[in-house]
Protein backbone atom coordinates (compact mmCIF):
# COMPACT_ATOMS: atom_id res chain seq x y z
CA UNK A 1 -39.55 39.62 -9.23
CA UNK A 2 -40.47 36.73 -6.94
CA UNK A 3 -38.55 36.61 -3.65
CA UNK A 4 -37.58 33.04 -2.73
CA UNK A 5 -36.74 31.51 0.64
CA UNK A 6 -34.90 28.16 0.49
CA UNK A 7 -35.27 25.76 3.42
CA UNK A 8 -33.17 22.60 3.63
CA UNK A 9 -30.81 21.29 6.27
CA UNK A 10 -28.22 20.25 3.67
CA UNK A 11 -25.97 23.15 2.74
CA UNK A 12 -24.94 21.62 -0.57
CA UNK A 13 -28.58 21.27 -1.64
CA UNK A 14 -29.33 24.89 -0.72
CA UNK A 15 -26.28 26.10 -2.59
CA UNK A 16 -27.33 24.27 -5.74
CA UNK A 17 -30.87 25.66 -5.67
CA UNK A 18 -29.57 29.12 -4.77
CA UNK A 19 -27.39 29.17 -7.88
CA UNK A 20 -30.39 28.15 -9.97
CA UNK A 21 -32.51 30.95 -8.46
CA UNK A 22 -29.79 33.56 -8.92
CA UNK A 23 -29.41 32.87 -12.63
CA UNK A 24 -33.17 32.68 -13.27
CA UNK A 25 -34.91 35.78 -14.60
CA UNK A 26 -37.76 36.85 -12.36
CA UNK A 27 -36.55 35.00 -9.25
CA UNK A 28 -34.66 36.64 -6.39
CA UNK A 29 -33.00 34.78 -3.52
CA UNK A 30 -34.44 36.34 -0.37
CA UNK A 31 -32.71 34.04 2.08
CA UNK A 32 -31.92 30.52 3.30
CA UNK A 33 -32.83 28.51 6.38
CA UNK A 34 -31.88 25.08 7.69
CA UNK A 35 -34.85 24.31 9.96
CA UNK A 36 -38.53 24.98 10.44
CA UNK A 37 -38.07 27.45 13.33
CA UNK A 38 -35.35 29.33 11.44
CA UNK A 39 -37.58 29.59 8.38
CA UNK A 40 -40.52 30.78 10.45
CA UNK A 41 -38.42 33.51 12.06
CA UNK A 42 -37.25 34.65 8.62
CA UNK A 43 -40.80 34.76 7.28
CA UNK A 44 -41.92 36.90 10.21
CA UNK A 45 -39.18 39.44 9.53
CA UNK A 46 -38.87 39.50 5.74
CA UNK A 47 -41.07 39.68 2.64
CA UNK A 48 -41.13 36.37 0.74
CA UNK A 49 -43.22 35.30 -2.25
CA UNK A 50 -42.16 31.69 -2.64
CA UNK A 51 -41.03 29.13 -0.07
CA UNK A 52 -39.08 26.17 -1.46
CA UNK A 53 -38.74 23.66 1.33
CA UNK A 54 -37.69 20.14 2.18
CA UNK A 55 -39.66 18.08 4.71
CA UNK A 56 -36.88 16.23 6.54
CA UNK A 57 -35.34 18.72 8.93
CA UNK A 58 -35.66 19.92 12.51
CA UNK A 59 -39.12 21.37 13.01
CA UNK A 60 -40.07 20.34 9.50
CA UNK A 61 -42.51 17.85 8.03
CA UNK A 62 -46.04 18.40 6.86
CA UNK A 63 -46.95 20.13 10.12
CA UNK A 64 -44.40 22.81 9.22
CA UNK A 65 -46.29 23.35 5.95
CA UNK A 66 -49.53 23.68 7.89
CA UNK A 67 -48.00 26.21 10.30
CA UNK A 68 -46.55 28.32 7.49
CA UNK A 69 -49.84 28.25 5.62
CA UNK A 70 -51.65 29.51 8.72
CA UNK A 71 -48.99 32.15 9.37
CA UNK A 72 -48.73 33.39 5.76
CA UNK A 73 -51.83 32.19 3.84
CA UNK A 74 -50.81 34.08 0.69
CA UNK A 75 -47.29 32.65 0.59
CA UNK A 76 -46.72 30.19 -2.24
CA UNK A 77 -45.13 26.90 -1.14
CA UNK A 78 -43.22 24.37 -3.21
CA UNK A 79 -42.09 21.18 -1.49
CA UNK A 80 -38.83 19.69 -2.77
CA UNK A 81 -38.40 16.33 -1.07
CA UNK A 82 -36.77 12.95 -1.33
CA UNK A 83 -40.07 11.31 -0.35
CA UNK A 84 -41.99 9.61 -3.14
CA UNK A 85 -44.86 11.46 -4.75
CA UNK A 86 -47.16 8.50 -4.24
CA UNK A 87 -47.00 8.81 -0.47
CA UNK A 88 -46.46 12.53 0.15
CA UNK A 89 -47.51 14.75 -2.77
CA UNK A 90 -51.24 14.82 -2.05
CA UNK A 91 -50.63 15.03 1.69
CA UNK A 92 -48.38 18.05 1.13
CA UNK A 93 -51.00 19.84 -0.97
CA UNK A 94 -53.64 19.06 1.64
CA UNK A 95 -51.36 20.63 4.28
CA UNK A 96 -51.17 23.86 2.30
CA UNK A 97 -48.43 23.45 -0.32
CA UNK A 98 -49.02 24.51 -3.93
CA UNK A 99 -46.57 22.16 -5.58
CA UNK A 100 -44.54 19.03 -4.96
CA UNK A 101 -41.34 17.85 -6.60
CA UNK A 102 -38.86 15.11 -5.74
CA UNK A 103 -35.14 15.77 -5.53
CA UNK A 104 -34.68 13.47 -8.51
CA UNK A 105 -35.96 16.31 -10.75
CA UNK A 106 -33.51 18.11 -13.01
CA UNK A 107 -32.73 21.83 -12.85
CA UNK A 108 -35.03 22.73 -15.76
CA UNK A 109 -38.00 21.02 -14.10
CA UNK A 110 -37.26 22.65 -10.74
CA UNK A 111 -37.06 26.10 -12.32
CA UNK A 112 -40.36 25.51 -14.13
CA UNK A 113 -41.99 24.36 -10.88
CA UNK A 114 -40.74 27.43 -8.98
CA UNK A 115 -41.99 29.81 -11.64
CA UNK A 116 -45.37 28.12 -11.90
CA UNK A 117 -45.99 28.03 -8.15
CA UNK A 118 -44.69 31.58 -7.61
CA UNK A 119 -47.02 32.91 -10.31
CA UNK A 120 -50.10 31.54 -8.55
CA UNK A 121 -50.49 28.16 -10.20
CA UNK A 122 -49.89 24.65 -8.90
CA UNK A 123 -47.26 22.12 -9.85
CA UNK A 124 -47.41 18.33 -9.82
CA UNK A 125 -45.64 15.90 -12.10
CA UNK A 126 -47.75 13.80 -14.44
CA UNK A 127 -47.33 10.86 -12.09
CA UNK A 128 -48.58 12.85 -9.10
CA UNK A 129 -51.50 14.21 -11.13
CA UNK A 130 -52.58 10.68 -12.01
CA UNK A 131 -52.35 9.68 -8.36
CA UNK A 132 -54.50 12.64 -7.37
CA UNK A 133 -57.15 11.70 -9.91
CA UNK A 134 -57.13 8.11 -8.69
CA UNK A 135 -57.65 9.22 -5.11
CA UNK A 136 -60.48 11.55 -6.09
CA UNK A 137 -62.23 8.90 -8.15
CA UNK A 138 -62.82 6.42 -5.34
CA UNK A 139 -61.10 4.82 -2.35
CA UNK A 140 -58.82 2.03 -3.46
CA UNK A 141 -59.73 -1.25 -1.72
CA UNK A 142 -56.37 -2.62 -2.79
CA UNK A 143 -54.41 0.25 -1.20
CA UNK A 144 -51.44 -0.91 0.91
CA UNK A 145 -51.78 -0.95 4.71
CA UNK A 146 -49.67 2.22 5.16
CA UNK A 147 -52.35 4.20 3.32
CA UNK A 148 -54.30 4.03 6.59
CA UNK A 149 -51.54 5.75 8.55
CA UNK A 150 -51.91 9.37 9.61
CA UNK A 151 -49.51 11.91 8.13
CA UNK A 152 -47.43 11.98 11.31
CA UNK A 153 -47.37 8.19 11.54
CA UNK A 154 -46.14 7.97 7.96
CA UNK A 155 -43.35 10.45 8.70
CA UNK A 156 -42.30 8.47 11.78
CA UNK A 157 -42.37 5.25 9.76
CA UNK A 158 -40.01 6.70 7.17
CA UNK A 159 -37.59 7.95 9.82
CA UNK A 160 -37.60 4.61 11.65
CA UNK A 161 -37.03 2.76 8.38
CA UNK A 162 -33.94 4.91 7.78
CA UNK A 163 -32.46 3.82 11.09
CA UNK A 164 -33.13 7.03 13.01
CA UNK A 165 -33.24 6.73 16.79
CA UNK A 166 -36.32 7.76 18.75
CA UNK A 167 -34.51 10.80 20.19
CA UNK A 168 -33.37 11.95 16.76
CA UNK A 169 -36.88 11.63 15.35
CA UNK A 170 -38.36 13.51 18.28
CA UNK A 171 -35.93 16.41 17.81
CA UNK A 172 -36.44 16.60 14.07
CA UNK A 173 -40.24 16.49 14.23
CA UNK A 174 -40.49 18.70 17.32
CA UNK A 175 -42.35 16.13 19.41
CA UNK A 176 -41.52 14.16 22.56
CA UNK A 177 -39.78 10.80 22.61
CA UNK A 178 -42.86 9.33 24.26
CA UNK A 179 -44.99 10.53 21.34
CA UNK A 180 -42.61 8.96 18.84
CA UNK A 181 -42.76 5.67 20.75
CA UNK A 182 -46.57 5.85 20.78
CA UNK A 183 -46.61 6.43 17.03
CA UNK A 184 -44.25 3.48 16.55
CA UNK A 185 -46.58 1.20 18.52
CA UNK A 186 -49.61 2.30 16.50
CA UNK A 187 -47.75 1.92 13.21
CA UNK A 188 -46.76 -1.65 14.08
CA UNK A 189 -50.36 -2.45 15.02
CA UNK A 190 -51.83 -0.93 11.84
CA UNK A 191 -49.33 -2.69 9.60
CA UNK A 192 -49.46 -6.00 11.47
CA UNK A 193 -45.73 -5.93 12.17
CA UNK A 194 -43.74 -6.71 15.30
CA UNK A 195 -40.42 -4.86 15.15
CA UNK A 196 -38.54 -1.89 13.72
CA UNK A 197 -36.65 -4.29 11.46
CA UNK A 198 -40.00 -5.37 10.02
CA UNK A 199 -40.85 -1.69 9.50
CA UNK A 200 -37.63 -1.12 7.58
CA UNK A 201 -38.26 -4.13 5.36
CA UNK A 202 -41.85 -3.03 4.77
CA UNK A 203 -40.76 0.51 3.87
CA UNK A 204 -38.24 -0.74 1.34
CA UNK A 205 -40.71 -3.21 -0.15
CA UNK A 206 -43.19 -0.36 -0.72
CA UNK A 207 -40.60 2.20 -1.91
CA UNK A 208 -41.11 4.50 1.06
CA UNK A 209 -37.35 5.00 1.50
């Protein structure tokens, strides 16, 4: 029986996944959390075999994956996110996750991914697997400018493109407002843009949001 911790700041999403876990043979709902710090506290106090987590939440993001991996190196991690596989799947696996799935997936696919990751294997969709092979083959000279962004810069870009304020981004990512502003400046420089409106247009053009 694999004990599962669900982490997402949307109650409705957690409830849906919880029902799926509860009716799945071999999976046991160990608990739920709505933020990175809450999930970390739960992991320190309770046995968990599989962490199913979103990225967009307070104290979340890929750095949360890295922290959990350092804290519990044997814990299996499946990321369930609204971010596109093209931009985040490989970054998530590099951070310590063992699988990546978008929230567009159906219940059957999600259950399969949970079982596979919990049992010690990895899970990526066919699309993400092809992307991984492309990245391993050779650097792509035609890669879009945002491919040069750091993981944190990419996260900040996505939040800015969604209309989040600097203070909101700082709270969600667990960094200072000054750091967010610094990231914004560097993102604009790297992408050759001049404003947050330009960032939003760029993100939509490249399917980042």
